[in-house]
Amino acid sequence: EQSIEMLQLVSGTLLADMHFEMYMPYVQRLDLFKNYAHVNPTGMQKVCHTATAIVEFMQGDVVFTKYDVPQVPRMMLPHRGTLAYNMEELDTEEVTLENNEENAMWACEAVLWTTWVHLGTMRAVTNSSLIMVDAAGFRRATHNFPSDHLRIYSKLFVQSLNEDVSSQHLSDICSNDDSLFNRLQKAFVNPRMSDARKSRATVRKSVAQVAFQW
C-alpha cells in the first residue's frame, strides 16, 4: 500500500473503512471475530485497519517451522492458494489450509492471548497468501475499549490450551469447533455462529427431535 500513490491521498477514516471491507469477509470466518464485530464494530474496524495485512508466499516457502518462537507473533488465515501443516514425527495427518468458507481453519490464534512456540511446520504448496493479524497490534487496537468479552474469552482460551497439553491435542491449527463455541457462549450473549456451524447444529437438533419423538 505504501507504493500506491493514490492511497496516500485517501483520508484515514476512508482508509480504515476500506481495510474493514477488505479484511472482514475473511477474518469473520473465525467466529470470535464475527461476535466481536457485533458487540464492538469500531474495535474490529481498528483491528482490520491497524493490525491486519496480507503476506505473500511462493510455492515451497516455509511459513514457520516446528519449535520456532515467532519474533513477530501473528495469527494467520488462508487468503489465496494452498498451504500444508505437518507436525512431523507425531503420528498425525498433514492438514491442508485453503480459503474455504464452509470449513474455516486458521493458524496460531494462541499468539493473541499468550506466548507461543510453533508445534509443527507450515509451507506453501502453491503460490499463496495469508491474512496476518499482528498480536501486538491486536492488543493495541482492542485494549482501550470497555468490554469484558475478549478478557473472558482469552482466559477460557488459555485454560483450554492447558487442558490440551494434558491430553496431547495441542496444534498450531484451529477451527470453529465445539471448544471454541463453548468459549463464545461464556464470553458473549447469544453468540453468532458460522453458517457451517449453524448447519451442524440444525442437523443435531433435528436428529435429537426425531430420537425423542420415536
C-alpha atoms as a PDB file:
ATOM      1  CA  GLU A   1       0.000   0.000   0.000  1.00  0.00           C
ATOM      2  CA  GLN A   2       2.881   2.380   0.676  1.00  0.00           C
ATOM      3  CA  SER A   3       3.830   2.207  -3.012  1.00  0.00           C
ATOM      4  CA  ILE A   4       0.361   3.172  -4.283  1.00  0.00           C
ATOM      5  CA  GLU A   5       0.470   6.946  -4.595  1.00  0.00           C
ATOM      6  CA  MET A   6      -3.298   7.485  -4.736  1.00  0.00           C
ATOM      7  CA  LEU A   7      -3.751   5.801  -1.345  1.00  0.00           C
ATOM      8  CA  GLN A   8      -1.552   8.487   0.221  1.00  0.00           C
ATOM      9  CA  LEU A   9      -4.320  10.971  -0.652  1.00  0.00           C
ATOM     10  CA  VAL A  10      -7.105   8.960   0.998  1.00  0.00           C
ATOM     11  CA  SER A  11      -8.263  10.146   4.416  1.00  0.00           C
ATOM     12  CA  GLY A  12      -7.527   7.976   7.454  1.00  0.00           C
ATOM     13  CA  THR A  13     -11.234   7.392   8.050  1.00  0.00           C
ATOM     14  CA  LEU A  14     -11.845   6.247   4.477  1.00  0.00           C
ATOM     15  CA  LEU A  15      -8.756   4.027   4.556  1.00  0.00           C
ATOM     16  CA  ALA A  16      -9.998   2.404   7.777  1.00  0.00           C
ATOM     17  CA  ASP A  17     -13.338   1.713   6.075  1.00  0.00           C
ATOM     18  CA  MET A  18     -11.506   0.223   3.069  1.00  0.00           C
ATOM     19  CA  HIS A  19      -9.431  -2.086   5.266  1.00  0.00           C
ATOM     20  CA  PHE A  20     -12.537  -3.224   7.138  1.00  0.00           C
ATOM     21  CA  GLU A  21     -14.315  -4.078   3.877  1.00  0.00           C
ATOM     22  CA  MET A  22     -11.173  -5.770   2.540  1.00  0.00           C
ATOM     23  CA  TYR A  23     -10.334  -7.992   5.509  1.00  0.00           C
ATOM     24  CA  MET A  24     -13.572  -8.573   7.414  1.00  0.00           C
ATOM     25  CA  PRO A  25     -15.079 -11.118   4.965  1.00  0.00           C
ATOM     26  CA  TYR A  26     -12.078 -13.345   5.718  1.00  0.00           C
ATOM     27  CA  VAL A  27     -11.421 -12.755   9.418  1.00  0.00           C
ATOM     28  CA  GLN A  28     -15.097 -13.138  10.364  1.00  0.00           C
ATOM     29  CA  ARG A  29     -14.836 -16.803   9.393  1.00  0.00           C
ATOM     30  CA  LEU A  30     -13.301 -17.086  12.832  1.00  0.00           C
ATOM     31  CA  ASP A  31     -16.483 -16.989  14.919  1.00  0.00           C
ATOM     32  CA  LEU A  32     -14.679 -14.983  17.613  1.00  0.00           C
ATOM     33  CA  PHE A  33     -14.187 -12.047  15.234  1.00  0.00           C
ATOM     34  CA  LYS A  34     -17.757 -12.363  13.935  1.00  0.00           C
ATOM     35  CA  ASN A  35     -19.032 -11.975  17.504  1.00  0.00           C
ATOM     36  CA  TYR A  36     -16.594  -9.239  18.473  1.00  0.00           C
ATOM     37  CA  ALA A  37     -17.576  -7.203  15.397  1.00  0.00           C
ATOM     38  CA  HIS A  38     -21.190  -7.474  16.521  1.00  0.00           C
ATOM     39  CA  VAL A  39     -20.568  -6.083  20.029  1.00  0.00           C
ATOM     40  CA  ASN A  40     -17.730  -3.702  19.102  1.00  0.00           C
ATOM     41  CA  PRO A  41     -17.689  -2.843  15.377  1.00  0.00           C
ATOM     42  CA  THR A  42     -15.361   0.123  15.999  1.00  0.00           C
ATOM     43  CA  GLY A  43     -12.827  -2.090  17.729  1.00  0.00           C
ATOM     44  CA  MET A  44     -12.989  -4.699  14.969  1.00  0.00           C
ATOM     45  CA  GLN A  45     -12.546  -1.991  12.343  1.00  0.00           C
ATOM     46  CA  LYS A  46      -9.443  -0.797  14.195  1.00  0.00           C
ATOM     47  CA  VAL A  47      -8.065  -4.353  14.204  1.00  0.00           C
ATOM     48  CA  CYS A  48      -8.569  -4.581  10.433  1.00  0.00           C
ATOM     49  CA  HIS A  49      -7.060  -1.131   9.871  1.00  0.00           C
ATOM     50  CA  THR A  50      -4.003  -1.213  12.142  1.00  0.00           C
ATOM     51  CA  ALA A  51      -3.193  -4.869  12.838  1.00  0.00           C
ATOM     52  CA  THR A  52      -4.068  -6.804   9.668  1.00  0.00           C
ATOM     53  CA  ALA A  53      -2.177  -7.306   6.403  1.00  0.00           C
ATOM     54  CA  ILE A  54      -1.804  -9.753   3.517  1.00  0.00           C
ATOM     55  CA  VAL A  55       1.548 -11.543   3.187  1.00  0.00           C
ATOM     56  CA  GLU A  56       2.536 -13.409   0.014  1.00  0.00           C
ATOM     57  CA  PHE A  57       4.405 -16.738  -0.193  1.00  0.00           C
ATOM     58  CA  MET A  58       5.896 -18.516  -3.181  1.00  0.00           C
ATOM     59  CA  GLN A  59       5.404 -22.226  -3.790  1.00  0.00           C
ATOM     60  CA  GLY A  60       7.694 -24.144  -1.433  1.00  0.00           C
ATOM     61  CA  ASP A  61       8.201 -21.263   1.008  1.00  0.00           C
ATOM     62  CA  VAL A  62       8.215 -22.215   4.680  1.00  0.00           C
ATOM     63  CA  VAL A  63       5.847 -20.033   6.723  1.00  0.00           C
ATOM     64  CA  PHE A  64       7.075 -21.308  10.081  1.00  0.00           C
ATOM     65  CA  THR A  65       8.835 -24.386  11.453  1.00  0.00           C
ATOM     66  CA  LYS A  66       8.436 -26.570  14.489  1.00  0.00           C
ATOM     67  CA  TYR A  67       9.938 -25.151  17.711  1.00  0.00           C
ATOM     68  CA  ASP A  68      10.166 -21.647  16.224  1.00  0.00           C
ATOM     69  CA  VAL A  69       9.372 -18.854  18.653  1.00  0.00           C
ATOM     70  CA  PRO A  70       7.752 -16.202  16.415  1.00  0.00           C
ATOM     71  CA  GLN A  71       9.718 -12.949  16.516  1.00  0.00           C
ATOM     72  CA  VAL A  72       6.636 -11.070  15.282  1.00  0.00           C
ATOM     73  CA  PRO A  73       3.702 -13.127  16.592  1.00  0.00           C
ATOM     74  CA  ARG A  74       0.813 -13.160  14.116  1.00  0.00           C
ATOM     75  CA  MET A  75      -2.356 -15.161  13.694  1.00  0.00           C
ATOM     76  CA  MET A  76      -2.765 -16.447  10.122  1.00  0.00           C
ATOM     77  CA  LEU A  77      -5.845 -17.023   7.976  1.00  0.00           C
ATOM     78  CA  PRO A  78      -5.765 -18.509   4.437  1.00  0.00           C
ATOM     79  CA  HIS A  79      -6.405 -15.929   1.727  1.00  0.00           C
ATOM     80  CA  ARG A  80      -5.262 -17.493  -1.554  1.00  0.00           C
ATOM     81  CA  GLY A  81      -3.633 -20.740  -2.625  1.00  0.00           C
ATOM     82  CA  THR A  82      -2.954 -23.929  -0.686  1.00  0.00           C
ATOM     83  CA  LEU A  83      -0.802 -24.387   2.410  1.00  0.00           C
ATOM     84  CA  ALA A  84       0.097 -27.552   4.291  1.00  0.00           C
ATOM     85  CA  TYR A  85       0.727 -28.046   8.016  1.00  0.00           C
ATOM     86  CA  ASN A  86       2.534 -31.070   9.428  1.00  0.00           C
ATOM     87  CA  MET A  87       3.560 -31.988  12.968  1.00  0.00           C
ATOM     88  CA  GLU A  88       6.372 -34.134  11.554  1.00  0.00           C
ATOM     89  CA  GLU A  89       7.371 -37.016  13.813  1.00  0.00           C
ATOM     90  CA  LEU A  90       3.972 -37.170  15.526  1.00  0.00           C
ATOM     91  CA  ASP A  91       1.531 -39.683  14.068  1.00  0.00           C
ATOM     92  CA  THR A  92      -0.808 -37.071  12.583  1.00  0.00           C
ATOM     93  CA  GLU A  93      -2.083 -36.432   9.077  1.00  0.00           C
ATOM     94  CA  GLU A  94      -0.985 -33.395   7.111  1.00  0.00           C
ATOM     95  CA  VAL A  95      -3.537 -30.583   7.341  1.00  0.00           C
ATOM     96  CA  THR A  96      -4.384 -28.574   4.215  1.00  0.00           C
ATOM     97  CA  LEU A  97      -5.339 -24.928   4.638  1.00  0.00           C
ATOM     98  CA  GLU A  98      -7.258 -23.130   1.911  1.00  0.00           C
ATOM     99  CA  ASN A  99      -9.663 -20.215   1.650  1.00  0.00           C
ATOM    100  CA  ASN A 100     -12.700 -22.348   2.483  1.00  0.00           C
ATOM    101  CA  GLU A 101     -15.741 -20.664   3.983  1.00  0.00           C
ATOM    102  CA  GLU A 102     -17.511 -23.949   4.727  1.00  0.00           C
ATOM    103  CA  ASN A 103     -14.623 -25.450   6.690  1.00  0.00           C
ATOM    104  CA  ALA A 104     -12.694 -22.468   8.010  1.00  0.00           C
ATOM    105  CA  MET A 105      -9.296 -23.103   9.588  1.00  0.00           C
ATOM    106  CA  TRP A 106      -6.562 -20.749  10.723  1.00  0.00           C
ATOM    107  CA  ALA A 107      -3.179 -20.918  12.410  1.00  0.00           C
ATOM    108  CA  CYS A 108      -1.610 -19.581  15.591  1.00  0.00           C
ATOM    109  CA  GLU A 109      -4.586 -17.937  17.298  1.00  0.00           C
ATOM    110  CA  ALA A 110      -2.730 -18.590  20.553  1.00  0.00           C
ATOM    111  CA  VAL A 111      -0.299 -15.716  19.883  1.00  0.00           C
ATOM    112  CA  LEU A 112      -3.160 -13.269  20.503  1.00  0.00           C
ATOM    113  CA  TRP A 113      -3.548 -14.485  24.079  1.00  0.00           C
ATOM    114  CA  THR A 114      -0.227 -15.916  25.285  1.00  0.00           C
ATOM    115  CA  THR A 115       3.386 -16.644  24.346  1.00  0.00           C
ATOM    116  CA  TRP A 116       3.706 -19.432  21.804  1.00  0.00           C
ATOM    117  CA  VAL A 117       6.147 -21.930  20.289  1.00  0.00           C
ATOM    118  CA  HIS A 118       5.175 -23.489  16.949  1.00  0.00           C
ATOM    119  CA  LEU A 119       4.295 -27.169  17.214  1.00  0.00           C
ATOM    120  CA  GLY A 120       4.617 -28.038  13.527  1.00  0.00           C
ATOM    121  CA  THR A 121       5.732 -26.723  10.159  1.00  0.00           C
ATOM    122  CA  MET A 122       3.657 -24.826   7.603  1.00  0.00           C
ATOM    123  CA  ARG A 123       4.686 -24.434   3.969  1.00  0.00           C
ATOM    124  CA  ALA A 124       3.121 -23.096   0.787  1.00  0.00           C
ATOM    125  CA  VAL A 125       2.056 -25.892  -1.577  1.00  0.00           C
ATOM    126  CA  THR A 126       1.208 -23.316  -4.272  1.00  0.00           C
ATOM    127  CA  ASN A 127       1.796 -19.595  -4.592  1.00  0.00           C
ATOM    128  CA  SER A 128      -0.249 -18.429  -1.651  1.00  0.00           C
ATOM    129  CA  SER A 129      -1.140 -15.535   0.604  1.00  0.00           C
ATOM    130  CA  LEU A 130      -2.141 -15.341   4.249  1.00  0.00           C
ATOM    131  CA  ILE A 131      -4.072 -12.688   6.116  1.00  0.00           C
ATOM    132  CA  MET A 132      -1.942 -11.904   9.149  1.00  0.00           C
ATOM    133  CA  VAL A 133      -3.285 -10.383  12.370  1.00  0.00           C
ATOM    134  CA  ASP A 134      -0.388  -8.920  14.333  1.00  0.00           C
ATOM    135  CA  ALA A 135      -0.681  -9.872  18.015  1.00  0.00           C
ATOM    136  CA  ALA A 136       0.790  -6.646  19.404  1.00  0.00           C
ATOM    137  CA  GLY A 137      -1.327  -4.566  17.024  1.00  0.00           C
ATOM    138  CA  PHE A 138      -4.421  -6.539  18.004  1.00  0.00           C
ATOM    139  CA  ARG A 139      -3.856  -5.780  21.686  1.00  0.00           C
ATOM    140  CA  ARG A 140      -3.250  -2.087  20.966  1.00  0.00           C
ATOM    141  CA  ALA A 141      -6.417  -1.908  18.881  1.00  0.00           C
ATOM    142  CA  THR A 142      -8.676  -3.515  21.488  1.00  0.00           C
ATOM    143  CA  HIS A 143      -7.339  -2.767  24.982  1.00  0.00           C
ATOM    144  CA  ASN A 144      -8.910   0.712  25.332  1.00  0.00           C
ATOM    145  CA  PHE A 145     -12.481  -0.454  24.746  1.00  0.00           C
ATOM    146  CA  PRO A 146     -14.561  -1.015  27.930  1.00  0.00           C
ATOM    147  CA  SER A 147     -15.573  -4.577  27.086  1.00  0.00           C
ATOM    148  CA  ASP A 148     -15.001  -7.801  29.008  1.00  0.00           C
ATOM    149  CA  HIS A 149     -15.681 -10.067  26.037  1.00  0.00           C
ATOM    150  CA  LEU A 150     -12.068 -10.552  24.943  1.00  0.00           C
ATOM    151  CA  ARG A 151     -10.759 -10.734  28.514  1.00  0.00           C
ATOM    152  CA  ILE A 152     -13.190 -13.556  29.329  1.00  0.00           C
ATOM    153  CA  TYR A 153     -12.509 -15.319  26.026  1.00  0.00           C
ATOM    154  CA  SER A 154      -8.724 -15.097  26.458  1.00  0.00           C
ATOM    155  CA  LYS A 155      -8.857 -16.665  29.928  1.00  0.00           C
ATOM    156  CA  LEU A 156     -11.002 -19.503  28.587  1.00  0.00           C
ATOM    157  CA  PHE A 157      -8.674 -19.967  25.607  1.00  0.00           C
ATOM    158  CA  VAL A 158      -5.590 -20.318  27.795  1.00  0.00           C
ATOM    159  CA  GLN A 159      -7.496 -22.675  30.095  1.00  0.00           C
ATOM    160  CA  SER A 160      -8.361 -24.776  27.053  1.00  0.00           C
ATOM    161  CA  LEU A 161      -4.691 -24.793  25.985  1.00  0.00           C
ATOM    162  CA  ASN A 162      -3.676 -26.134  29.384  1.00  0.00           C
ATOM    163  CA  GLU A 163      -6.271 -28.897  29.069  1.00  0.00           C
ATOM    164  CA  ASP A 164      -4.990 -29.721  25.572  1.00  0.00           C
ATOM    165  CA  VAL A 165      -1.428 -30.014  26.933  1.00  0.00           C
ATOM    166  CA  SER A 166      -2.512 -32.777  29.294  1.00  0.00           C
ATOM    167  CA  SER A 167      -4.411 -34.584  26.530  1.00  0.00           C
ATOM    168  CA  GLN A 168      -1.645 -34.038  23.925  1.00  0.00           C
ATOM    169  CA  HIS A 169      -4.078 -32.355  21.497  1.00  0.00           C
ATOM    170  CA  LEU A 170      -2.138 -29.130  21.031  1.00  0.00           C
ATOM    171  CA  SER A 171      -1.682 -27.808  17.496  1.00  0.00           C
ATOM    172  CA  ASP A 172      -0.992 -24.547  15.677  1.00  0.00           C
ATOM    173  CA  ILE A 173      -4.216 -25.115  13.691  1.00  0.00           C
ATOM    174  CA  CYS A 174      -7.644 -24.003  14.929  1.00  0.00           C
ATOM    175  CA  SER A 175     -11.209 -24.256  13.605  1.00  0.00           C
ATOM    176  CA  ASN A 176     -14.758 -23.336  14.584  1.00  0.00           C
ATOM    177  CA  ASP A 177     -15.127 -26.424  16.762  1.00  0.00           C
ATOM    178  CA  ASP A 178     -17.191 -27.176  19.869  1.00  0.00           C
ATOM    179  CA  SER A 179     -14.422 -25.962  22.160  1.00  0.00           C
ATOM    180  CA  LEU A 180     -14.429 -22.524  20.520  1.00  0.00           C
ATOM    181  CA  PHE A 181     -18.217 -22.307  20.604  1.00  0.00           C
ATOM    182  CA  ASN A 182     -18.253 -23.160  24.313  1.00  0.00           C
ATOM    183  CA  ARG A 183     -15.874 -20.251  24.922  1.00  0.00           C
ATOM    184  CA  LEU A 184     -18.055 -17.932  22.865  1.00  0.00           C
ATOM    185  CA  GLN A 185     -21.138 -18.941  24.846  1.00  0.00           C
ATOM    186  CA  LYS A 186     -19.429 -17.826  28.046  1.00  0.00           C
ATOM    187  CA  ALA A 187     -17.857 -14.652  26.643  1.00  0.00           C
ATOM    188  CA  PHE A 188     -20.784 -13.396  24.516  1.00  0.00           C
ATOM    189  CA  VAL A 189     -24.557 -13.358  24.949  1.00  0.00           C
ATOM    190  CA  ASN A 190     -26.279 -15.335  22.175  1.00  0.00           C
ATOM    191  CA  PRO A 191     -23.045 -15.893  20.180  1.00  0.00           C
ATOM    192  CA  ARG A 192     -23.221 -15.762  16.397  1.00  0.00           C
ATOM    193  CA  MET A 193     -22.172 -18.898  14.536  1.00  0.00           C
ATOM    194  CA  SER A 194     -20.661 -19.531  11.137  1.00  0.00           C
ATOM    195  CA  ASP A 195     -23.072 -20.874   8.515  1.00  0.00           C
ATOM    196  CA  ALA A 196     -21.347 -24.255   8.621  1.00  0.00           C
ATOM    197  CA  ARG A 197     -21.792 -24.489  12.401  1.00  0.00           C
ATOM    198  CA  LYS A 198     -25.459 -23.437  12.094  1.00  0.00           C
ATOM    199  CA  SER A 199     -25.976 -26.292   9.652  1.00  0.00           C
ATOM    200  CA  ARG A 200     -24.345 -28.815  12.001  1.00  0.00           C
ATOM    201  CA  ALA A 201     -26.377 -27.503  14.937  1.00  0.00           C
ATOM    202  CA  THR A 202     -29.601 -27.798  12.910  1.00  0.00           C
ATOM    203  CA  VAL A 203     -28.754 -31.381  11.975  1.00  0.00           C
ATOM    204  CA  ARG A 204     -28.017 -32.288  15.611  1.00  0.00           C
ATOM    205  CA  LYS A 205     -31.260 -30.655  16.731  1.00  0.00           C
ATOM    206  CA  SER A 206     -33.255 -32.495  14.058  1.00  0.00           C
ATOM    207  CA  VAL A 207     -31.702 -35.836  14.998  1.00  0.00           C
ATOM    208  CA  ALA A 208     -32.449 -35.184  18.673  1.00  0.00           C
ATOM    209  CA  GLN A 209     -36.087 -34.314  17.885  1.00  0.00           C
ATOM    210  CA  VAL A 210     -36.519 -37.469  15.798  1.00  0.00           C
ATOM    211  CA  ALA A 211     -34.985 -39.617  18.523  1.00  0.00           C
ATOM    212  CA  PHE A 212     -37.229 -38.032  21.146  1.00  0.00           C
ATOM    213  CA  GLN A 213     -40.371 -38.479  19.050  1.00  0.00           C
ATOM    214  CA  TRP A 214     -39.506 -42.086  18.367  1.00  0.00           C
END
